[in-house]
Structure formats: C-alpha cells, structure tokens
Amino acid sequence: MEYLVIDTESCTGRDNDGSLCSLGYAICDENLNVLEQKDLLFNPLPKRFSVGDEKHYQKTGIAFAYTVDEFRKAPRFSELYDKIVDLFKDRIVLGFAMGNDVKYLNNACDKFNLPRIEYKFYDIQFVYQLLHPDEKSVGLKTLNAKYQIDYVAHRSDEDAVGSVLLLKKFLESDGYTFEKVIKKYKIHKGKNTKKGYHVCYSGAMIEELYGLKVSKRIQSFVLSDHIKNLVKPKGNANRLCFSFKIEKMDVNFVRTLIDLALQKGLYFDHDTDIVNVYVSDEGIDKRVSHLNQKKKDSLKIYTLEEFCKYINYTENLRYDDKKFLTKFYTQLII
C-alpha cells in the first residue's frame, strides 16, 4: 500500500474560478517514507493572480516559490489530467487541512469538463487535533516550526513533504503508529466522488471518548435536530426560552435542561413572542430586557441556578448522537 500526500495552490484563493496553479505530491510507502516528490504547475484560468505573486505579497503575506511567468508557461490542468488521475489510483491520499485541496481539484475538473477524481483521504491536521484538542494554533507553518521541520512554504511539493514529515514526528512523539491512531480514534476516511465529497471524521469524537467533543458549530446542528423532534405543545401550554449564552453552552447540558423542563410542563421554543418563561445566565440580559418591554408582568424569569433547582437538575442526561452525526458527516458536499 502506498500513500499519496498532496498540497495545492490557487492563484486567487477562490475555489470556483479555475484558479488551481499547482499540485505538489509525495508518494510514500506504508511506513510514510517519501519515495518520490514532484510539483506540477498549471497555467490557471483567471487572467490575474491575486495571491502568491510579488504584487500582492504585502496584502496577503503569501509568496509562491515560482514566478507568475513560470505558471503562465506551464500547461493547462486538462493537459496533465490523465497523469494526475494515475497518481491517485490505488493510493490513500493524505494532506494537511484537505478541504481546500479537494475543492480546488474538483473545481479544476469542472472548469475543463473532466470527471472529478475519486479517492479516499485522511486529513493530517484533523489527526493532530484529535491528539491535541486543547491546542489553538495548528497551522502547517506553526506545527512544522514546533517540530523543527525545514521546508519551503507555498511550494506545493514541499508542503506535501512537510505535511508527511510532521505526521511522522507527532505520531512518534505521542507514541503512535498511523494504524494505531486510526484504530484508537476510530477515524473514518474522507471521500471524494464525482457527485461530491465529505471530510474524514472520528467515531471517538462522536462517542465523546478521551475527553473529545464535537465543535460548537456541530453542537448547534445537534441541538437544532433535538429541538426539531421535541413534543409539540397544545393550546395554552407554558413555553420556555433561554438567553443566547445558555443556548450556546454544552449541547448535552442544554438538551438536559429542555428535557427536564418538559417534565414540568414547559415546552422549549425559539419564538420569544409566545414564551412566558425565560432563563437568563446573568440576571437581566439584553434579550430579557426586550421581552420585559413586550410582556410586562406575564413573563416568569429565572436565573440559570434557580431554574436548575426548579427542574431538579443534577447531571446531564445521556444522548446517543451516533446516527445523526454519522449521517451529518457523510452527507456529500457538492
């Protein structure tokens, strides 16, 4: 088994204008040793560069390893398409922050009316974040500096090699092989198809193992799905809403509050025009001040502490989000 480690550059930073201007790659053996390294340059479709050239360096801080003239003398993506397809055959793809790479390649195929290249991939940045969930700065440049890896930034083949060297370094530092970390964290490959793609995801994160939790953004989707499936109130039932800050707290905590409130005959609702119970995280906040002007004496206001006592909150209820999150993560992005 071989790995294909890739990195791409775009002359505009957009993924809808045929701006792919380089695809760098490193072919690696099963132990992640580099067997071959190469940069493929393309003459991109946009008439002007807005990223990577000398003119825009002060604004973007990005300098490509090649001149605009070198890119303009290169072949179009379509001329190298067959060679690129062969690179992906029977290899598992790796890359750092793969989202843009996938989109740039798909857009290049679309612009030249060529079939999208199908492959499965792992994202090295995602693997690192699973092992180091509390780290904030996890860009390739920052991490390569941390692990003392020398490479030429914004030269695609160097970025590809720098990515795989980084993977080897942090796996070794944390006491893992690539196979072991995939198994422990239940990492599922990302997938690119002719119809769309989805990124890789972690079963351990879905199950909240090893202290992992899905991002706040994903938690908001989980909460929305929970609210969508709540029992609907009838007639003049009491309706409840929370401050914005409470709604953004841990999704399991918020769902527990909602479900325990239902046992007290309180139905959660986002529509503040019809609610008559409000829970604030800090007494009188901006949202409740607005509600007070409209509802005057008809609104019952709780602090979060008071409300937790009222509904007999002791600990979070348990929720199984595996089905929802697996469907969410594997839904193809066009």
Protein backbone atom coordinates (compact mmCIF):
# COMPACT_ATOMS: atom_id res chain seq x y z
CA MET A 1 0.00 0.00 0.00
CA GLU A 2 1.21 3.50 -0.86
CA TYR A 3 0.14 6.94 0.27
CA LEU A 4 -0.20 9.98 -1.96
CA VAL A 5 0.41 13.17 0.02
CA ILE A 6 -0.85 16.27 -1.78
CA ASP A 7 -0.95 20.03 -1.49
CA THR A 8 -2.37 22.62 -3.88
CA GLU A 9 -2.13 26.35 -4.53
CA SER A 10 -4.67 28.71 -6.06
CA CYS A 11 -3.77 32.00 -7.76
CA THR A 12 -6.88 33.72 -6.31
CA GLY A 13 -7.70 31.75 -3.18
CA ARG A 14 -11.15 31.00 -4.60
CA ASP A 15 -12.49 27.55 -5.39
CA ASN A 16 -14.90 28.43 -8.20
CA ASP A 17 -12.79 30.09 -10.89
CA GLY A 18 -10.33 27.50 -12.20
CA SER A 19 -7.51 29.10 -10.20
CA LEU A 20 -5.61 25.90 -9.35
CA CYS A 21 -2.00 26.66 -10.26
CA SER A 22 -0.03 23.83 -8.65
CA LEU A 23 -0.42 20.31 -7.34
CA GLY A 24 2.52 19.08 -5.32
CA TYR A 25 2.79 15.50 -4.23
CA ALA A 26 4.89 12.98 -2.36
CA ILE A 27 4.44 9.25 -2.89
CA CYS A 28 5.14 7.37 0.35
CA ASP A 29 5.42 3.74 1.33
CA GLU A 30 3.34 2.11 4.06
CA ASN A 31 5.76 3.47 6.68
CA LEU A 32 5.35 7.03 5.37
CA ASN A 33 8.83 7.16 3.85
CA VAL A 34 8.98 9.51 0.85
CA LEU A 35 9.68 7.64 -2.39
CA GLU A 36 9.02 10.41 -4.90
CA GLN A 37 8.40 14.16 -4.73
CA LYS A 38 7.25 16.47 -7.51
CA ASP A 39 5.48 19.74 -8.22
CA LEU A 40 3.03 20.00 -11.13
CA LEU A 41 2.45 23.58 -12.30
CA PHE A 42 -0.60 24.76 -14.25
CA ASN A 43 -1.46 27.87 -16.19
CA PRO A 44 -4.62 28.87 -14.27
CA LEU A 45 -7.74 30.27 -15.95
CA PRO A 46 -8.01 33.68 -14.17
CA LYS A 47 -6.28 36.47 -16.09
CA ARG A 48 -4.64 37.86 -12.97
CA PHE A 49 -3.07 36.50 -9.79
CA SER A 50 -4.38 37.96 -6.54
CA VAL A 51 -2.48 35.56 -4.26
CA GLY A 52 1.13 34.41 -4.23
CA ASP A 53 2.67 36.94 -6.61
CA GLU A 54 5.05 39.76 -5.76
CA LYS A 55 2.45 42.47 -6.34
CA HIS A 56 0.05 41.16 -3.65
CA TYR A 57 2.62 39.95 -1.12
CA GLN A 58 2.24 42.94 1.20
CA LYS A 59 -1.51 42.33 1.39
CA THR A 60 -1.61 38.52 1.59
CA GLY A 61 1.75 37.60 3.12
CA ILE A 62 1.88 34.66 0.70
CA ALA A 63 4.74 34.22 -1.78
CA PHE A 64 4.71 31.29 -4.18
CA ALA A 65 8.00 29.56 -4.96
CA TYR A 66 7.53 30.30 -8.68
CA THR A 67 7.02 33.47 -10.69
CA VAL A 68 3.80 34.30 -12.50
CA ASP A 69 5.70 33.85 -15.76
CA GLU A 70 6.64 30.28 -14.79
CA PHE A 71 2.98 29.47 -14.12
CA ARG A 72 1.90 31.06 -17.42
CA LYS A 73 4.36 28.89 -19.35
CA ALA A 74 3.00 25.73 -17.69
CA PRO A 75 0.33 23.52 -19.35
CA ARG A 76 -3.35 23.78 -18.54
CA PHE A 77 -4.74 21.38 -15.95
CA SER A 78 -6.53 19.43 -18.68
CA GLU A 79 -3.22 18.59 -20.38
CA LEU A 80 -1.94 16.83 -17.24
CA TYR A 81 -5.28 15.36 -16.18
CA ASP A 82 -4.54 11.74 -17.19
CA LYS A 83 -1.22 11.80 -15.33
CA ILE A 84 -2.93 13.20 -12.23
CA VAL A 85 -5.63 10.52 -12.33
CA ASP A 86 -2.91 7.85 -12.44
CA LEU A 87 -1.28 9.35 -9.33
CA PHE A 88 -4.46 8.81 -7.31
CA LYS A 89 -5.08 5.22 -8.46
CA ASP A 90 -4.83 2.58 -5.70
CA ARG A 91 -3.37 5.06 -3.20
CA ILE A 92 -4.77 6.52 0.01
CA VAL A 93 -4.47 10.29 -0.06
CA LEU A 94 -3.08 12.39 2.79
CA GLY A 95 -2.94 16.14 3.16
CA PHE A 96 -2.93 18.93 5.70
CA ALA A 97 -6.27 20.79 6.00
CA MET A 98 -7.59 18.94 2.96
CA GLY A 99 -10.78 20.95 2.45
CA ASN A 100 -9.30 23.48 0.01
CA ASP A 101 -7.24 20.86 -1.82
CA VAL A 102 -10.37 18.81 -2.54
CA LYS A 103 -12.30 21.87 -3.68
CA TYR A 104 -9.53 23.26 -5.91
CA LEU A 105 -9.08 19.90 -7.66
CA ASN A 106 -12.82 19.39 -8.12
CA ASN A 107 -13.21 22.90 -9.49
CA ALA A 108 -10.36 22.37 -11.98
CA CYS A 109 -12.07 19.21 -13.23
CA ASP A 110 -15.40 21.02 -13.51
CA LYS A 111 -13.93 24.00 -15.39
CA PHE A 112 -12.38 21.73 -18.01
CA ASN A 113 -15.43 19.44 -18.21
CA LEU A 114 -13.48 16.46 -16.87
CA PRO A 115 -14.73 13.80 -14.45
CA ARG A 116 -13.85 14.51 -10.85
CA ILE A 117 -11.12 12.26 -9.45
CA GLU A 118 -12.41 9.70 -6.94
CA TYR A 119 -10.29 8.91 -3.88
CA LYS A 120 -10.33 8.46 -0.11
CA PHE A 121 -8.23 10.56 2.21
CA TYR A 122 -7.06 11.34 5.74
CA ASP A 123 -6.52 14.90 6.96
CA ILE A 124 -3.25 15.26 8.91
CA GLN A 125 -4.43 18.43 10.65
CA PHE A 126 -7.55 16.60 11.87
CA VAL A 127 -5.46 13.72 13.24
CA TYR A 128 -3.26 16.20 15.09
CA GLN A 129 -6.28 17.96 16.60
CA LEU A 130 -7.61 14.64 17.92
CA LEU A 131 -4.34 14.07 19.76
CA HIS A 132 -4.01 17.70 20.90
CA PRO A 133 -7.57 19.02 21.29
CA ASP A 134 -6.57 21.95 23.52
CA GLU A 135 -4.06 23.49 21.11
CA LYS A 136 -5.29 26.62 19.34
CA SER A 137 -2.64 27.25 16.67
CA VAL A 138 -2.47 24.20 14.40
CA GLY A 139 -1.41 25.58 11.01
CA LEU A 140 1.23 23.77 8.97
CA LYS A 141 3.81 26.55 9.38
CA THR A 142 3.34 26.71 13.16
CA LEU A 143 3.48 22.96 13.68
CA ASN A 144 6.49 22.45 11.42
CA ALA A 145 8.30 25.12 13.42
CA LYS A 146 7.29 23.34 16.64
CA TYR A 147 8.73 20.04 15.40
CA GLN A 148 11.73 21.72 13.73
CA ILE A 149 10.89 20.61 10.19
CA ASP A 150 12.50 22.61 7.38
CA TYR A 151 10.50 23.06 4.19
CA VAL A 152 9.74 25.70 1.55
CA ALA A 153 6.33 27.20 2.35
CA HIS A 154 3.84 27.62 -0.54
CA ARG A 155 5.73 25.33 -2.83
CA SER A 156 3.23 22.51 -3.14
CA ASP A 157 5.57 19.52 -3.20
CA GLU A 158 7.48 20.92 -0.21
CA ASP A 159 4.22 21.49 1.67
CA ALA A 160 3.27 17.89 0.90
CA VAL A 161 6.59 16.54 2.19
CA GLY A 162 6.44 18.87 5.18
CA SER A 163 2.98 17.51 5.96
CA VAL A 164 4.02 13.85 5.98
CA LEU A 165 7.19 14.59 7.98
CA LEU A 166 5.01 16.40 10.50
CA LEU A 167 2.69 13.38 10.70
CA LYS A 168 5.61 11.06 11.39
CA LYS A 169 7.09 13.43 14.00
CA PHE A 170 3.97 13.95 16.11
CA LEU A 171 2.93 10.29 15.91
CA GLU A 172 6.35 9.26 17.14
CA SER A 173 6.29 11.93 19.86
CA ASP A 174 2.87 10.77 21.06
CA GLY A 175 3.76 7.07 20.88
CA TYR A 176 1.56 6.02 17.96
CA THR A 177 1.83 4.44 14.56
CA PHE A 178 -0.57 5.75 11.92
CA GLU A 179 -2.54 2.49 12.04
CA LYS A 180 -2.86 2.63 15.84
CA VAL A 181 -4.08 6.21 15.95
CA ILE A 182 -6.68 5.47 13.26
CA LYS A 183 -7.92 2.46 15.23
CA LYS A 184 -7.96 4.14 18.65
CA TYR A 185 -9.77 7.28 17.49
CA LYS A 186 -11.98 5.39 15.02
CA ILE A 187 -11.03 7.73 12.19
CA HIS A 188 -13.09 7.29 9.05
CA LYS A 189 -11.60 8.34 5.73
CA GLY A 190 -12.85 11.36 3.86
CA LYS A 191 -14.20 10.58 0.42
CA ASN A 192 -14.26 12.41 -2.89
CA THR A 193 -16.65 11.23 -5.58
CA LYS A 194 -17.88 12.54 -8.89
CA LYS A 195 -21.00 13.83 -7.10
CA GLY A 196 -19.36 15.46 -4.07
CA TYR A 197 -17.15 14.86 -1.05
CA HIS A 198 -17.19 14.53 2.71
CA VAL A 199 -14.33 15.07 5.14
CA CYS A 200 -12.89 12.45 7.49
CA TYR A 201 -14.43 12.14 10.96
CA SER A 202 -13.81 10.39 14.26
CA GLY A 203 -16.04 7.83 15.92
CA ALA A 204 -14.24 8.56 19.20
CA MET A 205 -15.31 12.18 18.95
CA ILE A 206 -18.90 11.22 18.23
CA GLU A 207 -18.87 8.95 21.30
CA GLU A 208 -17.07 11.64 23.36
CA LEU A 209 -14.18 9.34 24.23
CA TYR A 210 -10.84 10.62 25.60
CA GLY A 211 -12.43 13.94 26.52
CA LEU A 212 -13.24 14.77 22.89
CA LYS A 213 -16.31 16.74 21.88
CA VAL A 214 -17.61 17.90 18.53
CA SER A 215 -17.11 21.58 17.74
CA LYS A 216 -19.53 24.29 18.85
CA ARG A 217 -20.66 24.60 15.25
CA ILE A 218 -21.57 20.91 15.05
CA GLN A 219 -23.17 21.05 18.51
CA SER A 220 -25.54 23.72 17.16
CA PHE A 221 -26.72 21.28 14.46
CA VAL A 222 -27.20 18.56 17.08
CA LEU A 223 -29.26 20.92 19.23
CA SER A 224 -31.37 22.04 16.26
CA ASP A 225 -32.14 18.42 15.40
CA HIS A 226 -33.12 17.72 19.03
CA ILE A 227 -35.44 20.74 19.14
CA LYS A 228 -36.99 19.77 15.81
CA ASN A 229 -38.01 16.40 17.26
CA LEU A 230 -39.46 17.69 20.54
CA VAL A 231 -43.05 17.05 21.55
CA LYS A 232 -45.16 19.91 20.23
CA PRO A 233 -47.27 21.84 22.77
CA LYS A 234 -51.04 22.20 22.50
CA GLY A 235 -53.24 25.13 23.41
CA ASN A 236 -52.01 27.50 26.10
CA ALA A 237 -49.07 25.41 27.30
CA ASN A 238 -46.25 27.24 29.05
CA ARG A 239 -43.38 27.96 26.70
CA LEU A 240 -39.76 28.44 27.64
CA CYS A 241 -36.68 30.02 26.11
CA PHE A 242 -33.11 30.65 27.20
CA SER A 243 -30.66 33.50 26.86
CA PHE A 244 -28.39 33.27 23.83
CA LYS A 245 -25.43 32.48 26.08
CA ILE A 246 -27.20 29.46 27.60
CA GLU A 247 -28.21 28.18 24.15
CA LYS A 248 -24.50 28.17 23.20
CA MET A 249 -23.42 26.15 26.24
CA ASP A 250 -22.59 22.44 26.03
CA VAL A 251 -25.23 20.76 23.90
CA ASN A 252 -25.82 17.91 26.37
CA PHE A 253 -26.41 20.39 29.19
CA VAL A 254 -28.86 22.44 27.11
CA ARG A 255 -30.75 19.34 25.96
CA THR A 256 -30.97 18.11 29.54
CA LEU A 257 -32.46 21.44 30.65
CA ILE A 258 -35.01 21.26 27.84
CA ASP A 259 -35.99 17.64 28.56
CA LEU A 260 -36.26 18.10 32.33
CA ALA A 261 -38.31 21.26 31.76
CA LEU A 262 -40.71 19.24 29.63
CA GLN A 263 -41.37 17.00 32.65
CA LYS A 264 -42.53 20.18 34.41
CA GLY A 265 -44.87 21.05 31.55
CA LEU A 266 -42.56 23.64 29.97
CA TYR A 267 -42.09 23.45 26.20
CA PHE A 268 -38.97 24.95 24.66
CA ASP A 269 -39.47 27.47 21.86
CA HIS A 270 -37.25 29.95 20.00
CA ASP A 271 -40.22 32.25 19.30
CA THR A 272 -39.91 34.90 22.00
CA ASP A 273 -43.31 36.36 21.04
CA ILE A 274 -45.10 33.39 22.61
CA VAL A 275 -42.84 32.35 25.52
CA ASN A 276 -43.82 33.09 29.11
CA VAL A 277 -40.82 31.55 30.91
CA TYR A 278 -37.28 32.83 30.42
CA VAL A 279 -33.97 31.60 31.81
CA SER A 280 -31.03 34.00 31.96
CA ASP A 281 -27.39 33.19 32.60
CA GLU A 282 -26.74 36.55 34.28
CA GLY A 283 -29.94 38.04 35.61
CA ILE A 284 -31.33 40.76 33.35
CA ASP A 285 -29.66 40.46 29.93
CA LYS A 286 -30.43 42.29 26.69
CA ARG A 287 -32.81 39.64 25.40
CA VAL A 288 -34.90 39.53 28.55
CA SER A 289 -34.98 43.34 28.71
CA HIS A 290 -36.58 43.32 25.27
CA LEU A 291 -39.02 40.62 26.35
CA ASN A 292 -39.94 42.54 29.52
CA GLN A 293 -40.97 45.55 27.46
CA LYS A 294 -43.37 43.38 25.47
CA LYS A 295 -44.71 41.07 28.17
CA LYS A 296 -44.60 43.23 31.27
CA ASP A 297 -45.82 41.13 34.22
CA SER A 298 -46.68 37.96 32.26
CA LEU A 299 -43.07 36.76 31.96
CA LYS A 300 -41.58 34.49 34.62
CA ILE A 301 -37.80 34.99 34.79
CA TYR A 302 -35.32 32.50 36.32
CA THR A 303 -31.60 32.70 36.77
CA LEU A 304 -29.86 29.60 35.50
CA GLU A 305 -29.18 28.48 39.07
CA GLU A 306 -32.82 28.95 40.08
CA PHE A 307 -34.05 27.10 37.01
CA CYS A 308 -31.72 24.13 37.60
CA LYS A 309 -33.15 23.79 41.11
CA TYR A 310 -36.72 24.10 39.82
CA ILE A 311 -36.33 21.25 37.29
CA ASN A 312 -34.23 19.14 39.72
CA TYR A 313 -31.13 19.14 37.54
CA THR A 314 -28.30 17.02 38.97
CA GLU A 315 -26.34 15.83 35.94
CA ASN A 316 -26.63 15.67 32.17
CA LEU A 317 -28.85 13.04 30.62
CA ARG A 318 -27.18 10.65 28.17
CA TYR A 319 -27.71 11.10 24.44
CA ASP A 320 -26.74 8.89 21.53
CA ASP A 321 -25.84 11.08 18.56
CA LYS A 322 -24.04 8.42 16.53
CA LYS A 323 -26.74 8.00 13.88
CA PHE A 324 -27.32 11.73 13.40
CA LEU A 325 -23.62 12.68 13.34
CA THR A 326 -22.60 9.82 11.06
CA LYS A 327 -25.27 10.92 8.58
CA PHE A 328 -24.20 14.53 9.02
CA TYR A 329 -20.51 13.84 8.41
CA THR A 330 -21.08 11.55 5.41
CA GLN A 331 -23.52 13.86 3.63
CA LEU A 332 -21.82 14.81 0.37
CA ILE A 333 -20.81 18.42 -0.19
CA ILE A 334 -21.28 19.33 -3.84
